[in-house]
Amino acid sequence: MDNLDRAILDLLRQNARAGYGDIGSSVGLSASAVKRRVDRLVADGVIKAFTIQVDPSVDGMSTEAYVELFCRGTVAPDELQRILQGVPEVVYAGTVTGSADAIVHMRARDITSLEDALERVRIAPNVDHTRSAIVLSRLVNRNRD
């Protein structure tokens, strides 16, 4: 992957529907050269998907929280993944350093729905407790997957 590939990726992150010609104009390549590069990036697994981002407030999922998850004893990441994948309100989760075992990003329709989702996480046998912070306002939102 070179600097042209990185520039193409940056432009696709901003607008996955951008035309190859428009991207080519920005990076100094022809549309067909951009298409070949994008096809290669897809084939190589660099680009995993083309997707949309829906405004959570329009989608009805405007209540947002970050949750620290604390487990009893040592719990494998695969087990945490199994627990959390069963909760649709979980939009992101990762293991972390520090006193918590994982950090979980959740979105729900309202506080009651968020509380219900948290309870589904808390009742898992390996979960000791959680600590939540509800998002009041988003300051920066970059999608850099």
Protein backbone atom coordinates (compact mmCIF):
# COMPACT_ATOMS: atom_id res chain seq x y z
CA MET A 1 0.00 0.00 0.00
CA ASP A 2 1.41 3.38 -0.99
CA ASN A 3 0.50 7.03 -0.44
CA LEU A 4 -1.93 7.02 -3.39
CA ASP A 5 -3.81 4.10 -1.84
CA ARG A 6 -3.94 5.96 1.47
CA ALA A 7 -5.28 9.09 -0.27
CA ILE A 8 -7.95 7.00 -2.01
CA LEU A 9 -8.93 5.42 1.31
CA ASP A 10 -9.19 8.85 2.95
CA LEU A 11 -11.52 10.05 0.18
CA LEU A 12 -13.64 6.89 0.39
CA ARG A 13 -13.91 7.32 4.17
CA GLN A 14 -15.37 10.76 3.55
CA ASN A 15 -17.75 9.52 0.85
CA ALA A 16 -17.94 5.84 -0.06
CA ARG A 17 -20.12 6.79 -3.04
CA ALA A 18 -17.52 9.09 -4.59
CA GLY A 19 -16.97 8.39 -8.28
CA TYR A 20 -13.67 7.02 -9.52
CA GLY A 21 -13.27 10.10 -11.73
CA ASP A 22 -13.76 12.46 -8.79
CA ILE A 23 -11.28 10.50 -6.69
CA GLY A 24 -8.83 10.41 -9.61
CA SER A 25 -9.03 14.19 -9.98
CA SER A 26 -8.10 14.58 -6.34
CA VAL A 27 -5.18 12.14 -6.37
CA GLY A 28 -3.88 12.66 -9.91
CA LEU A 29 -4.98 9.35 -11.47
CA SER A 30 -7.42 8.32 -14.17
CA ALA A 31 -10.77 6.85 -13.19
CA SER A 32 -9.70 3.41 -14.47
CA ALA A 33 -6.47 3.54 -12.42
CA VAL A 34 -8.48 4.41 -9.30
CA LYS A 35 -10.90 1.53 -10.02
CA ARG A 36 -8.01 -0.93 -10.37
CA ARG A 37 -6.55 0.26 -7.07
CA VAL A 38 -9.91 0.07 -5.26
CA ASP A 39 -10.53 -3.42 -6.67
CA ARG A 40 -7.08 -4.49 -5.42
CA LEU A 41 -7.73 -2.97 -1.98
CA VAL A 42 -10.99 -4.93 -1.80
CA ALA A 43 -9.36 -8.17 -3.00
CA ASP A 44 -6.53 -7.76 -0.48
CA GLY A 45 -9.01 -7.26 2.37
CA VAL A 46 -7.91 -3.69 3.08
CA ILE A 47 -11.42 -2.46 2.24
CA LYS A 48 -13.79 -4.75 4.10
CA ALA A 49 -17.12 -3.15 3.13
CA PHE A 50 -18.83 -0.12 1.67
CA THR A 51 -21.49 1.07 4.06
CA ILE A 52 -23.65 3.95 5.22
CA GLN A 53 -23.70 5.93 8.43
CA VAL A 54 -27.17 6.70 9.74
CA ASP A 55 -27.73 9.60 12.11
CA PRO A 56 -28.61 7.84 15.40
CA SER A 57 -31.11 10.55 16.37
CA VAL A 58 -33.04 10.03 13.13
CA ASP A 59 -32.79 6.26 13.55
CA GLY A 60 -34.25 6.55 17.05
CA MET A 61 -31.05 5.39 18.80
CA SER A 62 -30.03 8.71 20.33
CA THR A 63 -29.27 7.54 23.88
CA GLU A 64 -25.61 6.64 23.98
CA ALA A 65 -23.32 5.37 26.73
CA TYR A 66 -19.81 4.09 27.29
CA VAL A 67 -19.72 1.22 29.74
CA GLU A 68 -16.76 -0.21 31.59
CA LEU A 69 -17.21 -3.94 32.08
CA PHE A 70 -15.66 -5.68 35.08
CA CYS A 71 -15.53 -9.48 35.16
CA ARG A 72 -15.16 -12.08 37.88
CA GLY A 73 -11.73 -13.66 37.59
CA THR A 74 -10.11 -14.13 34.21
CA VAL A 75 -12.48 -14.18 31.24
CA ALA A 76 -11.30 -14.89 27.70
CA PRO A 77 -12.04 -12.26 25.04
CA ASP A 78 -14.03 -14.89 23.10
CA GLU A 79 -16.37 -15.27 26.08
CA LEU A 80 -16.85 -11.49 26.36
CA GLN A 81 -17.56 -11.37 22.64
CA ARG A 82 -20.19 -14.12 23.00
CA ILE A 83 -21.90 -12.24 25.84
CA LEU A 84 -21.89 -8.86 24.10
CA GLN A 85 -22.90 -10.01 20.63
CA GLY A 86 -26.21 -11.11 22.11
CA VAL A 87 -27.05 -7.51 23.05
CA PRO A 88 -28.10 -5.53 19.94
CA GLU A 89 -27.56 -2.18 21.68
CA VAL A 90 -23.80 -2.88 21.77
CA VAL A 91 -22.26 -1.08 18.78
CA TYR A 92 -18.61 -1.53 19.76
CA ALA A 93 -16.68 -3.44 22.40
CA GLY A 94 -13.01 -4.02 23.05
CA THR A 95 -10.76 -5.36 25.76
CA VAL A 96 -8.72 -2.67 27.50
CA THR A 97 -5.86 -2.13 29.90
CA GLY A 98 -6.54 -0.82 33.39
CA SER A 99 -9.00 -1.99 36.01
CA ALA A 100 -11.89 -2.69 33.61
CA ASP A 101 -11.82 -5.79 31.42
CA ALA A 102 -13.61 -4.19 28.48
CA ILE A 103 -15.13 -0.96 27.25
CA VAL A 104 -18.50 -1.12 25.56
CA HIS A 105 -20.20 1.53 23.43
CA MET A 106 -23.99 1.21 23.52
CA ARG A 107 -26.85 2.98 21.76
CA ALA A 108 -30.50 2.69 22.72
CA ARG A 109 -33.80 4.41 22.02
CA ASP A 110 -34.08 5.88 25.52
CA ILE A 111 -32.83 5.52 29.09
CA THR A 112 -35.23 2.69 29.85
CA SER A 113 -33.99 0.71 26.82
CA LEU A 114 -30.40 1.41 27.80
CA GLU A 115 -31.06 0.19 31.34
CA ASP A 116 -32.64 -3.01 29.97
CA ALA A 117 -29.60 -3.62 27.74
CA LEU A 118 -27.21 -3.00 30.63
CA GLU A 119 -29.13 -5.49 32.73
CA ARG A 120 -28.78 -8.13 29.99
CA VAL A 121 -25.01 -7.58 30.16
CA ARG A 122 -24.88 -7.57 33.97
CA ILE A 123 -26.68 -10.90 34.39
CA ALA A 124 -24.03 -12.80 32.41
CA PRO A 125 -22.34 -15.26 34.79
CA ASN A 126 -18.84 -13.82 34.33
CA VAL A 127 -19.81 -10.15 34.73
CA ASP A 128 -19.18 -8.69 38.17
CA HIS A 129 -20.34 -5.11 37.58
CA THR A 130 -20.42 -2.23 35.12
CA ARG A 131 -19.72 1.48 35.30
CA SER A 132 -21.54 3.68 32.79
CA ALA A 133 -21.13 7.17 31.40
CA ILE A 134 -24.03 8.52 29.35
CA VAL A 135 -23.04 10.75 26.44
CA LEU A 136 -24.52 14.24 26.72
CA SER A 137 -23.20 15.59 23.41
CA ARG A 138 -20.86 14.36 20.69
CA LEU A 139 -17.87 16.59 20.16
CA VAL A 140 -15.87 14.68 17.53
CA ASN A 141 -17.10 11.71 15.52
CA ARG A 142 -14.62 10.16 13.08
CA ASN A 143 -15.21 6.77 11.54
CA ARG A 144 -11.68 5.37 11.15
CA ASP A 145 -12.29 1.62 10.99
